[in-house]
Amino acid sequence: MSTGTGLRPATSSLREITGLPPYLRLLAGTQFAFNTGFYAVLPYLAGHLGDGLGMAGWLVGLVLGLRTFSQQGLFVVGGALTDRYGPRPVVLAGCLLRIAGFAWLALAGSTATVVAAVVLTGFAAALFSPAVESETAREAVRREQADGTARARTLAVFSAAGQAGAFLGPLLGSLLLAAGGEWGFRAACAAGVAVFVAVLAGHAVLMPRRAAVHRERPRGGVRHLARNPRFLVLCLTYSTWLLAYNQLYLALPAEVERATGSQAALGWLFALSSLLVVTAQIPLTRHAAVRLAPRTALAGGLALVAAGFALVPVTPGGPGGLLPGAVLVTLLTCGQMLLVPAARGLVPDLVDGRHLGLATGALSSVSGLAVLGGSAASGLLLQAPAPVLWGALAAVPLAGAVAARLLPSGRAAVRRGALRGRGEQRTVGTIRIRRHSRDE
C-alpha cells in the first residue's frame, strides 16, 4: 500500500509530461537538455580555473561574475530579439553560441581566452532561455484557453524538467572528471557540446518555421514596461525571491561550514533541493492551480521562504548539525515550487503580447541586477549574530509576499472548494477551468 502511495507522485508526473501537446513536450525536453549540458560543466568551472589554470581567487570570482552578468543581465536582449524575430532563430543562435563557447572553454589557456569563452556561453543562455521561456508561457496560455488546463501546471512541468537536468548534469560532469583525469574538464565540456549539438539538431527539425511574433518591429517596449506599475511590482516581488535563492550559494555554505567545520555536506543539500523539485513540482502545482490564485501562490511561496530563513537560528542541530540547513533548503524549495510557476504565469496577464519576450527577459534582468546589489549587502551580514543575519534574510521574501498582494489575482484563479465533483466545470472570465479527479 505504501509503495503505491510512494509511486503516485512519479507516475502522476510522468502522465503530466506525456499529456503535454507535442510542441510543449519539445520545449520541456529542451529545458531538460539545456540544464543537463550546462550543469555538466558549470559546477567544475571554478576548480578548473583555480587548480587547472592557476588563476588567483579574485580572478576566478571575476570570471564567474562576468558569466552571470553576460547571462542574467542580458536576458532582456534575448527577449527583445524573440519579440522581433520569433523564437526559432533566437534559440538556434543560442545553441550555436553555446557550442562554440564550450568548445572554446575546453581549449582556452589564457585569461583573455577564458573570459571570452565564458562571456560567450553566458550570452548564449541570454538568447536561448528568454526565447524558450516566453514561448512556453505563450503556449501555456493557449492551452489554458483551449482546454482549461491552468497555465501554472504547464509551467510546472517546464520547471521540473529543468531541475531534473540540473540534477543529472553535475552527476554526468563528475563521472567525466573522475574518468578523464587531467583531461576531465575538457571531457565535461565535450559532453556539453554534444548535448547542445543534439538540442540544435532537434530544434532545427522540430521547431515550427512560423513567422516572427510580429512582422513589424515592436516599438515602445521598454516604455511600456517602465510605465506598467503592475509589471514593476512583479519584478520587485520576483527580485526578493532571487535574492533569497542566491543565499543557497552565500549564507547556506557559511551555515554548513559553521555547523560541520567544512562544506563537504553542501552537495547533499543541493541534491535534496533538486529531488524535491523533480518529484513534487508537478503534483504540487497540479493541485495548487485549482485552489490558489497565482497571486496567492506567489505570496504563499515567499512566506514559506521567509519561514525557512527565520527557523535556521532556532532549529536544533540534529544529526551532523545539518538539520537547520535541511529545514532551510526544504522550505525554500517548497516556496520555489509554489511561486515560480505562478510568477511566470502572471507575466502574460500584465503586459502586451507584443512585448512578452522582452518582459520575460526583463523579469530576469531586473531581478539579476537586484541580486547583484543585494548580495553585497547580505555578504556583509554573514559575520553578524545568527538572529540578526537570518532575521534580515527572512525580511526580504516577507516584504516580497506583502508586495505580491498588490498584483492582480490572475485569470486562472479558483477559490478553494469552488468546484465540486469530477468533471464539473466553471468559467472564470473567458477561460474554462475544469477540476480533475485525484486519480488523473
Protein backbone atom coordinates (compact mmCIF):
# COMPACT_ATOMS: atom_id res chain seq x y z
CA MET A 1 0.00 0.00 0.00
CA SER A 2 2.75 2.39 0.95
CA THR A 3 4.63 1.51 -2.20
CA GLY A 4 1.73 2.55 -4.37
CA THR A 5 1.41 5.81 -2.47
CA GLY A 6 5.10 6.50 -2.88
CA LEU A 7 4.98 5.86 -6.61
CA ARG A 8 1.92 8.05 -7.16
CA PRO A 9 3.80 11.38 -7.49
CA ALA A 10 6.22 9.88 -10.01
CA THR A 11 3.55 8.24 -12.16
CA SER A 12 1.39 11.36 -11.92
CA SER A 13 4.32 13.49 -13.07
CA LEU A 14 5.01 11.12 -15.96
CA ARG A 15 1.37 11.33 -17.09
CA GLU A 16 1.53 15.11 -16.86
CA ILE A 17 4.61 15.21 -19.12
CA THR A 18 3.32 12.74 -21.68
CA GLY A 19 -0.03 14.53 -21.70
CA LEU A 20 1.54 17.75 -22.98
CA PRO A 21 0.93 18.75 -26.59
CA PRO A 22 3.92 17.82 -28.80
CA TYR A 23 5.30 21.35 -29.03
CA LEU A 24 5.22 21.82 -25.26
CA ARG A 25 6.94 18.44 -24.84
CA LEU A 26 9.67 19.73 -27.13
CA LEU A 27 10.08 22.88 -25.03
CA ALA A 28 10.17 20.93 -21.74
CA GLY A 29 12.67 18.47 -23.21
CA THR A 30 14.73 21.41 -24.39
CA GLN A 31 14.92 22.81 -20.86
CA PHE A 32 15.97 19.40 -19.52
CA ALA A 33 18.73 19.02 -22.12
CA PHE A 34 19.88 22.63 -21.74
CA ASN A 35 20.37 22.28 -17.98
CA THR A 36 21.98 18.85 -18.33
CA GLY A 37 24.66 20.22 -20.65
CA PHE A 38 25.07 23.43 -18.67
CA TYR A 39 25.45 21.81 -15.24
CA ALA A 40 27.81 19.15 -16.56
CA VAL A 41 30.34 22.00 -16.83
CA LEU A 42 29.42 24.94 -14.59
CA PRO A 43 29.93 23.37 -11.10
CA TYR A 44 33.51 22.47 -12.04
CA LEU A 45 34.48 25.72 -13.73
CA ALA A 46 35.87 27.40 -10.59
CA GLY A 47 38.06 24.40 -9.80
CA HIS A 48 39.35 24.30 -13.37
CA LEU A 49 40.19 28.00 -13.34
CA GLY A 50 41.93 27.85 -9.96
CA ASP A 51 43.58 24.45 -9.92
CA GLY A 52 43.86 23.74 -13.63
CA LEU A 53 44.86 27.18 -14.92
CA GLY A 54 46.31 28.63 -11.70
CA MET A 55 44.14 31.74 -11.58
CA ALA A 56 44.06 33.77 -8.37
CA GLY A 57 40.91 33.58 -6.28
CA TRP A 58 39.83 37.14 -7.05
CA LEU A 59 40.21 36.50 -10.77
CA VAL A 60 38.16 33.31 -10.56
CA GLY A 61 35.43 35.31 -8.83
CA LEU A 62 35.60 38.00 -11.51
CA VAL A 63 35.28 35.45 -14.31
CA LEU A 64 32.29 33.79 -12.65
CA GLY A 65 30.71 37.20 -12.09
CA LEU A 66 31.16 38.07 -15.77
CA ARG A 67 29.46 34.82 -16.72
CA THR A 68 26.47 35.65 -14.53
CA PHE A 69 26.24 39.20 -15.87
CA SER A 70 26.53 38.12 -19.51
CA GLN A 71 23.62 35.73 -18.88
CA GLN A 72 21.15 37.27 -16.43
CA GLY A 73 21.97 40.87 -17.27
CA LEU A 74 21.42 40.33 -21.00
CA PHE A 75 18.21 38.29 -20.81
CA VAL A 76 16.39 41.42 -21.88
CA VAL A 77 18.33 41.35 -25.18
CA GLY A 78 17.26 37.79 -25.91
CA GLY A 79 13.68 38.65 -25.04
CA ALA A 80 13.62 41.68 -27.34
CA LEU A 81 15.09 39.65 -30.22
CA THR A 82 12.45 36.97 -29.67
CA ASP A 83 9.69 39.57 -29.98
CA ARG A 84 11.24 40.87 -33.19
CA TYR A 85 12.24 37.67 -34.99
CA GLY A 86 10.33 34.90 -33.28
CA PRO A 87 11.74 32.15 -31.01
CA ARG A 88 13.20 29.75 -33.58
CA PRO A 89 16.15 31.79 -34.91
CA VAL A 90 16.99 33.06 -31.41
CA VAL A 91 17.01 29.53 -29.96
CA LEU A 92 19.17 28.23 -32.82
CA ALA A 93 21.61 31.13 -32.43
CA GLY A 94 21.81 30.46 -28.68
CA CYS A 95 22.63 26.80 -29.31
CA LEU A 96 25.37 27.68 -31.81
CA LEU A 97 26.95 30.18 -29.40
CA ARG A 98 26.82 27.69 -26.51
CA ILE A 99 28.52 25.02 -28.67
CA ALA A 100 31.23 27.49 -29.67
CA GLY A 101 31.61 28.73 -26.08
CA PHE A 102 32.04 25.28 -24.54
CA ALA A 103 34.46 24.18 -27.27
CA TRP A 104 36.50 27.36 -26.76
CA LEU A 105 36.41 26.96 -22.97
CA ALA A 106 37.84 23.43 -23.25
CA LEU A 107 40.84 24.78 -25.17
CA ALA A 108 41.28 28.21 -23.51
CA GLY A 109 44.51 28.62 -21.57
CA SER A 110 44.96 32.35 -21.07
CA THR A 111 42.91 34.78 -19.02
CA ALA A 112 41.69 36.64 -22.11
CA THR A 113 40.52 33.50 -23.92
CA VAL A 114 38.85 32.12 -20.80
CA VAL A 115 36.97 35.39 -20.25
CA ALA A 116 35.87 35.49 -23.88
CA ALA A 117 34.68 31.86 -23.80
CA VAL A 118 32.81 32.33 -20.52
CA VAL A 119 31.09 35.52 -21.73
CA LEU A 120 30.12 33.72 -24.94
CA THR A 121 28.50 30.84 -23.02
CA GLY A 122 26.63 33.33 -20.83
CA PHE A 123 25.33 35.32 -23.78
CA ALA A 124 24.20 32.07 -25.40
CA ALA A 125 21.90 31.46 -22.44
CA ALA A 126 20.74 35.08 -22.61
CA LEU A 127 19.47 34.32 -26.11
CA PHE A 128 18.22 30.79 -25.58
CA SER A 129 16.42 30.97 -22.23
CA PRO A 130 14.12 34.01 -22.76
CA ALA A 131 13.07 32.61 -26.14
CA VAL A 132 12.16 29.22 -24.70
CA GLU A 133 10.58 30.63 -21.53
CA SER A 134 8.41 33.20 -23.33
CA GLU A 135 7.34 30.62 -25.90
CA THR A 136 6.44 28.20 -23.10
CA ALA A 137 4.38 30.90 -21.36
CA ARG A 138 2.62 31.75 -24.62
CA GLU A 139 1.79 28.09 -25.28
CA ALA A 140 0.67 27.60 -21.66
CA VAL A 141 -1.87 30.41 -22.08
CA ARG A 142 -3.09 28.91 -25.37
CA ARG A 143 -3.51 25.53 -23.72
CA GLU A 144 -5.37 27.12 -20.83
CA GLN A 145 -7.77 28.81 -23.23
CA ALA A 146 -8.23 25.62 -25.27
CA ASP A 147 -8.93 23.02 -22.58
CA GLY A 148 -8.90 24.81 -19.21
CA THR A 149 -5.55 23.39 -18.02
CA ALA A 150 -4.19 26.05 -15.69
CA ARG A 151 -1.06 27.62 -17.11
CA ALA A 152 0.79 27.08 -13.82
CA ARG A 153 0.54 23.31 -14.36
CA THR A 154 2.19 23.60 -17.76
CA LEU A 155 4.89 25.89 -16.41
CA ALA A 156 5.47 23.47 -13.52
CA VAL A 157 6.35 20.70 -15.99
CA PHE A 158 8.86 23.09 -17.58
CA SER A 159 10.40 23.87 -14.16
CA ALA A 160 10.59 20.21 -13.15
CA ALA A 161 12.24 19.28 -16.45
CA GLY A 162 14.86 21.97 -15.94
CA GLN A 163 15.52 20.86 -12.37
CA ALA A 164 15.90 17.24 -13.50
CA GLY A 165 18.59 18.44 -15.89
CA ALA A 166 20.23 20.43 -13.09
CA PHE A 167 20.32 17.22 -11.02
CA LEU A 168 21.64 14.97 -13.79
CA GLY A 169 24.21 17.41 -15.24
CA PRO A 170 26.58 17.53 -12.23
CA LEU A 171 26.48 13.72 -11.98
CA LEU A 172 27.47 13.45 -15.63
CA GLY A 173 30.20 16.04 -15.14
CA SER A 174 31.61 14.35 -12.05
CA LEU A 175 31.79 10.98 -13.83
CA LEU A 176 33.64 12.55 -16.74
CA LEU A 177 36.03 14.41 -14.43
CA ALA A 178 36.77 11.23 -12.49
CA ALA A 179 37.30 9.15 -15.62
CA GLY A 180 39.20 11.77 -17.61
CA GLY A 181 41.98 12.60 -15.17
CA GLU A 182 43.78 15.77 -16.28
CA TRP A 183 41.53 15.83 -19.35
CA GLY A 184 38.39 15.56 -17.24
CA PHE A 185 37.25 19.16 -17.60
CA ARG A 186 37.70 19.02 -21.36
CA ALA A 187 35.66 15.82 -21.40
CA ALA A 188 32.87 17.59 -19.48
CA CYS A 189 32.97 20.46 -21.99
CA ALA A 190 32.84 17.93 -24.84
CA ALA A 191 29.75 16.35 -23.26
CA GLY A 192 28.18 19.81 -23.04
CA VAL A 193 28.95 20.39 -26.72
CA ALA A 194 27.36 17.05 -27.64
CA VAL A 195 24.19 17.88 -25.70
CA PHE A 196 23.82 21.25 -27.41
CA VAL A 197 24.51 19.79 -30.85
CA ALA A 198 21.58 17.44 -30.18
CA VAL A 199 19.40 20.34 -28.99
CA LEU A 200 20.33 22.37 -32.08
CA ALA A 201 19.51 19.48 -34.41
CA GLY A 202 16.22 18.78 -32.66
CA HIS A 203 15.06 22.39 -32.88
CA ALA A 204 16.22 22.80 -36.46
CA VAL A 205 13.95 19.89 -37.40
CA LEU A 206 11.04 20.16 -34.94
CA MET A 207 10.60 23.82 -34.04
CA PRO A 208 7.86 25.38 -36.20
CA ARG A 209 9.03 27.53 -39.09
CA ARG A 210 6.43 30.14 -38.44
CA ALA A 211 6.67 33.86 -38.94
CA ALA A 212 8.09 36.15 -36.32
CA VAL A 213 5.79 37.04 -33.47
CA HIS A 214 5.26 40.43 -35.12
CA ARG A 215 6.09 41.33 -38.70
CA GLU A 216 6.87 44.89 -37.75
CA ARG A 217 9.38 45.78 -35.11
CA PRO A 218 7.56 46.13 -31.77
CA ARG A 219 8.01 49.73 -30.64
CA GLY A 220 7.92 51.30 -27.24
CA GLY A 221 8.53 48.03 -25.40
CA VAL A 222 10.83 49.46 -22.75
CA ARG A 223 8.50 52.43 -22.20
CA HIS A 224 5.54 50.07 -22.00
CA LEU A 225 7.23 48.05 -19.23
CA ALA A 226 8.64 51.07 -17.39
CA ARG A 227 5.17 52.66 -17.25
CA ASN A 228 3.47 49.44 -16.19
CA PRO A 229 3.26 49.59 -12.37
CA ARG A 230 1.89 46.07 -12.02
CA PHE A 231 4.77 44.57 -14.00
CA LEU A 232 7.24 46.60 -11.94
CA VAL A 233 5.67 45.22 -8.76
CA LEU A 234 6.09 41.71 -10.16
CA CYS A 235 9.77 42.48 -10.89
CA LEU A 236 10.20 43.74 -7.33
CA THR A 237 8.49 40.67 -5.90
CA TYR A 238 10.48 38.27 -8.06
CA SER A 239 13.69 40.09 -7.12
CA THR A 240 13.12 39.28 -3.45
CA TRP A 241 12.81 35.62 -4.43
CA LEU A 242 16.02 35.57 -6.47
CA LEU A 243 17.92 37.37 -3.72
CA ALA A 244 16.65 34.76 -1.24
CA TYR A 245 17.54 31.91 -3.62
CA ASN A 246 21.05 33.30 -4.02
CA GLN A 247 21.61 32.58 -0.32
CA LEU A 248 21.98 28.91 -1.27
CA TYR A 249 25.38 29.98 -2.61
CA LEU A 250 26.24 32.52 0.10
CA ALA A 251 24.57 32.07 3.50
CA LEU A 252 23.92 28.31 3.31
CA PRO A 253 27.59 27.38 2.72
CA ALA A 254 28.54 29.59 5.67
CA GLU A 255 25.94 27.83 7.85
CA VAL A 256 27.08 24.36 6.78
CA GLU A 257 30.71 25.24 7.49
CA ARG A 258 29.77 26.69 10.88
CA ALA A 259 27.82 23.56 11.80
CA THR A 260 30.15 20.88 10.43
CA GLY A 261 33.54 22.52 10.03
CA SER A 262 33.55 22.13 6.24
CA GLN A 263 31.33 22.47 3.19
CA ALA A 264 31.57 18.79 2.25
CA ALA A 265 27.89 18.15 3.04
CA LEU A 266 26.70 21.03 0.87
CA GLY A 267 26.25 18.78 -2.16
CA TRP A 268 23.74 16.62 -0.27
CA LEU A 269 21.59 19.67 0.49
CA PHE A 270 21.63 20.72 -3.18
CA ALA A 271 20.67 17.17 -4.13
CA LEU A 272 17.78 17.38 -1.64
CA SER A 273 16.53 20.56 -3.34
CA SER A 274 16.72 19.05 -6.83
CA LEU A 275 14.99 15.83 -5.80
CA LEU A 276 12.17 17.76 -4.14
CA VAL A 277 11.50 19.69 -7.33
CA VAL A 278 11.77 16.66 -9.59
CA THR A 279 9.36 14.55 -7.51
CA ALA A 280 6.93 17.13 -6.12
CA GLN A 281 6.78 20.13 -8.50
CA ILE A 282 4.15 18.77 -10.89
CA PRO A 283 1.80 17.17 -8.31
CA LEU A 284 2.02 20.24 -6.07
CA THR A 285 1.25 22.69 -8.87
CA ARG A 286 -1.49 20.45 -10.28
CA HIS A 287 -3.40 20.72 -7.01
CA ALA A 288 -2.48 24.33 -6.22
CA ALA A 289 -3.56 25.56 -9.66
CA VAL A 290 -7.24 24.89 -8.94
CA ARG A 291 -7.15 26.03 -5.33
CA LEU A 292 -4.91 29.09 -5.24
CA ALA A 293 -4.94 32.24 -7.32
CA PRO A 294 -1.50 32.87 -8.88
CA ARG A 295 -1.07 35.93 -6.65
CA THR A 296 -1.83 33.84 -3.57
CA ALA A 297 0.61 31.12 -4.66
CA LEU A 298 3.28 33.76 -5.20
CA ALA A 299 2.74 35.36 -1.79
CA GLY A 300 2.46 31.99 -0.05
CA GLY A 301 5.66 30.72 -1.65
CA LEU A 302 7.57 33.79 -0.49
CA ALA A 303 6.15 33.36 3.02
CA LEU A 304 7.48 29.77 3.07
CA VAL A 305 10.90 31.02 2.01
CA ALA A 306 10.84 33.63 4.78
CA ALA A 307 9.90 30.93 7.30
CA GLY A 308 12.86 28.83 6.16
CA PHE A 309 15.29 31.64 6.99
CA ALA A 310 13.57 32.52 10.27
CA LEU A 311 13.75 28.91 11.51
CA VAL A 312 17.52 28.45 10.99
CA PRO A 313 18.68 30.02 14.29
CA VAL A 314 16.00 28.25 16.38
CA THR A 315 16.24 24.74 14.85
CA PRO A 316 18.30 22.16 16.79
CA GLY A 317 21.43 20.99 15.05
CA GLY A 318 20.21 17.39 14.72
CA PRO A 319 22.33 14.63 13.18
CA GLY A 320 25.60 16.06 11.95
CA GLY A 321 24.44 19.60 12.65
CA LEU A 322 22.70 19.76 9.26
CA LEU A 323 19.06 19.99 10.37
CA PRO A 324 18.87 23.83 10.20
CA GLY A 325 20.30 23.78 6.68
CA ALA A 326 17.94 20.97 5.65
CA VAL A 327 14.94 22.90 7.01
CA LEU A 328 16.02 25.99 5.07
CA VAL A 329 16.53 24.07 1.81
CA THR A 330 13.21 22.22 2.17
CA LEU A 331 11.10 25.33 2.87
CA LEU A 332 12.92 27.42 0.27
CA THR A 333 12.39 24.71 -2.34
CA CYS A 334 8.71 24.28 -1.44
CA GLY A 335 8.31 28.03 -1.74
CA GLN A 336 10.06 27.95 -5.09
CA MET A 337 7.68 25.27 -6.38
CA LEU A 338 4.70 27.44 -5.50
CA LEU A 339 5.91 30.85 -6.58
CA VAL A 340 7.97 30.38 -9.76
CA PRO A 341 5.19 28.93 -12.00
CA ALA A 342 2.76 31.49 -10.55
CA ALA A 343 5.10 34.43 -11.25
CA ARG A 344 5.87 33.26 -14.78
CA GLY A 345 2.18 32.65 -15.41
CA LEU A 346 1.29 36.21 -14.39
CA VAL A 347 3.55 37.85 -16.99
CA PRO A 348 1.16 37.33 -19.96
CA ASP A 349 -1.63 38.95 -17.92
CA LEU A 350 0.41 42.07 -17.15
CA VAL A 351 1.99 43.02 -20.49
CA ASP A 352 1.00 43.49 -24.10
CA GLY A 353 1.51 40.24 -26.01
CA ARG A 354 3.77 42.07 -28.47
CA HIS A 355 6.30 42.51 -25.67
CA LEU A 356 6.07 39.10 -23.96
CA GLY A 357 9.64 38.11 -24.85
CA LEU A 358 11.00 41.45 -23.67
CA ALA A 359 9.01 41.21 -20.43
CA THR A 360 10.22 37.65 -19.78
CA GLY A 361 13.81 38.75 -20.25
CA ALA A 362 13.34 41.94 -18.25
CA LEU A 363 11.95 39.98 -15.30
CA SER A 364 15.22 38.05 -15.06
CA SER A 365 17.49 41.01 -15.86
CA VAL A 366 15.92 43.37 -13.32
CA SER A 367 15.99 40.62 -10.70
CA GLY A 368 19.60 39.83 -11.56
CA LEU A 369 20.61 43.46 -11.01
CA ALA A 370 18.80 43.46 -7.67
CA VAL A 371 20.68 40.32 -6.66
CA LEU A 372 23.97 41.91 -7.68
CA GLY A 373 23.42 44.75 -5.22
CA GLY A 374 21.62 42.74 -2.56
CA SER A 375 24.27 40.02 -2.40
CA ALA A 376 26.91 42.54 -1.39
CA ALA A 377 24.69 43.70 1.47
CA SER A 378 23.87 40.18 2.62
CA GLY A 379 27.56 39.26 2.42
CA LEU A 380 28.29 41.96 5.00
CA LEU A 381 25.77 40.31 7.34
CA LEU A 382 27.50 36.93 7.40
CA GLN A 383 29.57 37.93 10.44
CA ALA A 384 26.52 39.27 12.32
CA PRO A 385 24.88 37.28 15.16
CA ALA A 386 22.65 34.50 13.87
CA PRO A 387 19.31 36.12 14.85
CA VAL A 388 20.30 39.33 13.03
CA LEU A 389 21.56 37.54 9.91
CA TRP A 390 18.64 35.15 9.47
CA GLY A 391 16.06 37.70 10.59
CA ALA A 392 17.28 40.17 7.96
CA LEU A 393 17.28 37.47 5.28
CA ALA A 394 13.74 36.44 6.25
CA ALA A 395 12.54 40.04 5.98
CA VAL A 396 13.38 40.19 2.26
CA PRO A 397 10.98 37.48 0.95
CA LEU A 398 8.44 38.55 3.57
CA ALA A 399 8.45 42.03 2.04
CA GLY A 400 8.00 40.39 -1.36
CA ALA A 401 4.97 38.47 -0.07
CA VAL A 402 3.41 41.74 1.07
CA ALA A 403 4.16 43.40 -2.28
CA ALA A 404 2.60 40.45 -4.13
CA ARG A 405 -0.79 41.40 -2.70
CA LEU A 406 -0.71 44.46 -4.99
CA LEU A 407 -0.80 42.23 -8.07
CA PRO A 408 -3.97 41.04 -9.82
CA SER A 409 -5.12 37.64 -8.65
CA GLY A 410 -4.61 36.06 -12.06
CA ARG A 411 -7.04 34.85 -14.69
CA ALA A 412 -6.97 31.21 -13.65
CA ALA A 413 -7.81 31.88 -10.01
CA VAL A 414 -10.16 29.36 -8.48
CA ARG A 415 -11.14 29.55 -4.83
CA ARG A 416 -10.80 26.51 -2.64
CA GLY A 417 -13.92 24.45 -2.76
CA ALA A 418 -15.48 26.44 -5.59
CA LEU A 419 -15.54 23.40 -7.83
CA ARG A 420 -17.16 20.19 -6.67
CA GLY A 421 -17.24 16.72 -8.17
CA ARG A 422 -15.50 15.04 -11.06
CA GLY A 423 -15.75 16.75 -14.39
CA GLU A 424 -17.60 19.81 -13.07
CA GLN A 425 -16.71 22.97 -14.99
CA ARG A 426 -16.74 26.65 -14.26
CA THR A 427 -15.95 29.69 -16.35
CA VAL A 428 -13.67 32.35 -14.93
CA GLY A 429 -13.63 35.31 -17.30
CA THR A 430 -13.15 33.76 -20.72
CA ILE A 431 -11.23 30.71 -19.52
CA ARG A 432 -12.84 27.41 -18.65
CA ILE A 433 -11.45 25.69 -15.57
CA ARG A 434 -12.04 22.00 -15.03
CA ARG A 435 -11.38 20.21 -11.78
CA HIS A 436 -9.67 16.88 -12.32
CA SER A 437 -10.16 13.88 -10.14
CA ARG A 438 -7.48 12.74 -7.72
CA ASP A 439 -6.54 9.85 -9.97
CA GLU A 440 -5.86 11.98 -13.05
